[in-house]
Amino acid sequence: MAWAVRSGKEGCIARRLRPSLHDLRGTDTTKFYINGLTEHEIAEIMSLGGDIVSRIIRHCIDRATAINDRIKRLNEARTRM
């Protein structure tokens, strides 16, 4: 979520704004990734570059989860061979 911060005599006040386009892009990318789409497939669907998708996934998903998912995919690919 996007936040607006205002400071004054009362101190720092933060309030939630409506989600930005970047928030929604991260949410969709995360949901696609968790549901098994590859980074390449997500990039095609979202019309984004592969490096942007990788950064979103690293930012939005726990690093350990992302690594475990990649290991799982590699193992599945190896068993298909």
Protein backbone atom coordinates (compact mmCIF):
# COMPACT_ATOMS: atom_id res chain seq x y z
CA MET A 1 0.00 0.00 0.00
CA ALA A 2 1.05 3.56 -0.55
CA TRP A 3 1.33 5.80 2.46
CA ALA A 4 1.21 9.56 2.91
CA VAL A 5 3.26 10.97 5.76
CA ARG A 6 2.61 14.36 7.27
CA SER A 7 4.62 15.82 10.08
CA GLY A 8 3.72 18.76 12.22
CA LYS A 9 3.21 19.73 15.85
CA GLU A 10 1.39 16.47 16.53
CA GLY A 11 4.33 14.44 15.25
CA CYS A 12 4.44 12.20 12.24
CA ILE A 13 1.07 10.98 10.99
CA ALA A 14 0.84 8.28 8.34
CA ARG A 15 -2.35 7.47 6.49
CA ARG A 16 -3.03 4.81 3.90
CA LEU A 17 -3.80 5.89 0.36
CA ARG A 18 -5.38 3.80 -2.34
CA PRO A 19 -3.03 1.24 -3.90
CA SER A 20 -0.77 2.56 -6.61
CA LEU A 21 -0.20 0.92 -9.97
CA HIS A 22 3.12 -0.38 -8.65
CA ASP A 23 1.40 -2.00 -5.66
CA LEU A 24 -1.06 -3.78 -7.94
CA ARG A 25 1.70 -4.85 -10.31
CA GLY A 26 3.60 -6.40 -7.40
CA THR A 27 0.47 -8.13 -6.12
CA ASP A 28 -0.35 -9.67 -9.49
CA THR A 29 3.23 -10.73 -10.13
CA THR A 30 3.41 -12.36 -6.70
CA LYS A 31 0.14 -14.23 -7.19
CA PHE A 32 1.21 -15.49 -10.62
CA TYR A 33 4.56 -16.67 -9.23
CA ILE A 34 3.04 -18.44 -6.23
CA ASN A 35 0.58 -20.22 -8.54
CA GLY A 36 3.40 -21.74 -10.57
CA LEU A 37 4.04 -19.43 -13.52
CA THR A 38 7.65 -18.91 -14.51
CA GLU A 39 9.25 -15.48 -14.52
CA HIS A 40 9.27 -15.55 -18.31
CA GLU A 41 5.53 -16.30 -18.46
CA ILE A 42 4.79 -13.54 -15.95
CA ALA A 43 6.87 -11.07 -17.96
CA GLU A 44 4.86 -11.87 -21.09
CA ILE A 45 1.50 -11.58 -19.34
CA MET A 46 2.39 -8.34 -17.52
CA SER A 47 4.29 -6.86 -20.50
CA LEU A 48 7.34 -6.34 -18.31
CA GLY A 49 11.01 -7.13 -18.75
CA GLY A 50 12.34 -10.26 -17.13
CA ASP A 51 14.68 -8.27 -14.88
CA ILE A 52 11.75 -6.22 -13.54
CA VAL A 53 9.78 -9.38 -12.76
CA SER A 54 12.81 -10.85 -10.96
CA ARG A 55 13.17 -7.70 -8.84
CA ILE A 56 9.46 -7.67 -7.97
CA ILE A 57 9.61 -11.32 -6.91
CA ARG A 58 12.72 -10.76 -4.80
CA HIS A 59 11.10 -7.70 -3.20
CA CYS A 60 7.61 -9.09 -2.61
CA ILE A 61 8.30 -12.72 -1.79
CA ASP A 62 10.42 -14.00 1.04
CA ARG A 63 13.85 -14.82 -0.37
CA ALA A 64 13.84 -18.33 1.10
CA THR A 65 10.46 -19.07 -0.48
CA ALA A 66 11.68 -17.90 -3.87
CA ILE A 67 14.82 -20.06 -3.63
CA ASN A 68 12.82 -23.11 -2.52
CA ASP A 69 10.41 -22.64 -5.43
CA ARG A 70 13.30 -22.50 -7.90
CA ILE A 71 14.86 -25.64 -6.42
CA LYS A 72 11.50 -27.41 -6.66
CA ARG A 73 11.18 -26.43 -10.35
CA LEU A 74 14.70 -27.63 -11.09
CA ASN A 75 13.97 -30.97 -9.45
CA GLU A 76 10.70 -31.32 -11.39
CA ALA A 77 12.51 -30.53 -14.64
CA ARG A 78 15.18 -33.09 -13.84
CA THR A 79 12.60 -35.84 -13.21
CA ARG A 80 10.88 -35.07 -16.54
CA MET A 81 14.11 -35.70 -18.46
